[in-house]
Amino acid sequence: MEDKYIMMDALLTEKHLVVNTATALNEASCDNIYKAYTDIFNKVTKEAKDLFNLCYNNGWYQLEEAPKTKITKDADKLTKELS
């Protein structure tokens, strides 16, 4: 298996850990458990960001630039919805 696919799989796994840990934080039944999950959450979000940066810097994760008109249109739509 190529490095790209291994790293993309690891990144996807970390993203899922972030989401699931956030859910666990919301459902923590006491302060000690909440603190433990907070520590875990901080670690997995850092790991996810580090993996993202590694993938991005190697050209394995690409972002596309949104046209300014689309950004403005979406911002206007959200503003109307929030009003």
Protein backbone atom coordinates (compact mmCIF):
# COMPACT_ATOMS: atom_id res chain seq x y z
CA MET A 1 0.00 0.00 0.00
CA GLU A 2 1.30 3.45 -0.90
CA ASP A 3 2.24 5.97 1.80
CA LYS A 4 -0.46 8.32 0.50
CA TYR A 5 -3.26 5.85 1.18
CA ILE A 6 -1.88 4.86 4.57
CA MET A 7 -1.69 8.52 5.64
CA MET A 8 -5.13 9.38 4.24
CA ASP A 9 -6.59 6.43 6.14
CA ALA A 10 -4.82 7.56 9.33
CA LEU A 11 -6.17 11.10 8.82
CA LEU A 12 -9.71 9.82 8.34
CA THR A 13 -9.37 7.71 11.49
CA GLU A 14 -8.17 10.73 13.49
CA LYS A 15 -11.07 12.83 12.20
CA HIS A 16 -13.51 10.17 13.42
CA LEU A 17 -11.75 10.09 16.80
CA VAL A 18 -12.18 13.86 17.09
CA VAL A 19 -15.91 13.65 16.37
CA ASN A 20 -16.49 10.71 18.70
CA THR A 21 -14.46 12.26 21.50
CA ALA A 22 -16.48 15.49 21.17
CA THR A 23 -19.64 13.42 21.62
CA ALA A 24 -18.15 11.72 24.67
CA LEU A 25 -17.32 15.16 26.13
CA ASN A 26 -20.95 16.22 25.79
CA GLU A 27 -22.11 13.06 27.52
CA ALA A 28 -19.55 12.92 30.33
CA SER A 29 -21.31 12.12 33.59
CA CYS A 30 -18.83 13.73 36.00
CA ASP A 31 -16.03 16.27 36.06
CA ASN A 32 -13.24 13.65 36.25
CA ILE A 33 -14.49 11.89 33.13
CA TYR A 34 -14.98 15.22 31.40
CA LYS A 35 -11.38 16.20 32.17
CA ALA A 36 -10.08 12.87 30.88
CA TYR A 37 -12.02 13.27 27.65
CA THR A 38 -10.86 16.88 27.33
CA ASP A 39 -7.24 15.72 27.51
CA ILE A 40 -7.91 13.03 24.91
CA PHE A 41 -9.76 15.51 22.69
CA ASN A 42 -6.86 17.97 22.77
CA LYS A 43 -4.42 15.20 21.80
CA VAL A 44 -6.47 13.76 18.95
CA THR A 45 -7.24 17.18 17.45
CA LYS A 46 -3.52 18.00 17.45
CA GLU A 47 -2.73 14.63 15.88
CA ALA A 48 -5.43 15.15 13.24
CA LYS A 49 -4.02 18.59 12.41
CA ASP A 50 -0.47 17.22 12.22
CA LEU A 51 -1.60 14.44 9.88
CA PHE A 52 -3.55 16.93 7.76
CA ASN A 53 -0.47 19.14 7.46
CA LEU A 54 1.67 16.14 6.50
CA CYS A 55 -0.81 15.04 3.83
CA TYR A 56 -1.27 18.58 2.54
CA ASN A 57 2.47 19.29 2.40
CA ASN A 58 3.02 16.09 0.40
CA GLY A 59 0.29 17.05 -2.09
CA TRP A 60 -1.97 14.18 -0.99
CA TYR A 61 -4.74 16.44 0.31
CA GLN A 62 -5.71 19.28 -1.95
CA LEU A 63 -7.97 22.22 -1.32
CA GLU A 64 -9.66 24.20 -4.03
CA GLU A 65 -10.12 27.93 -3.87
CA ALA A 66 -13.75 29.02 -3.80
CA PRO A 67 -14.68 31.87 -6.12
CA LYS A 68 -15.36 35.11 -4.25
CA THR A 69 -18.88 35.24 -5.72
CA LYS A 70 -19.74 31.86 -4.17
CA ILE A 71 -18.40 32.93 -0.78
CA THR A 72 -20.42 36.16 -0.91
CA LYS A 73 -23.56 34.32 -2.05
CA ASP A 74 -23.27 31.72 0.72
CA ALA A 75 -22.53 34.38 3.35
CA ASP A 76 -25.60 36.35 2.27
CA LYS A 77 -27.73 33.21 2.42
CA LEU A 78 -26.53 32.39 5.96
CA THR A 79 -27.11 35.98 7.08
CA LYS A 80 -30.70 35.82 5.84
CA GLU A 81 -31.27 32.48 7.55
CA LEU A 82 -29.93 33.81 10.86
CA SER A 83 -32.08 36.96 10.70
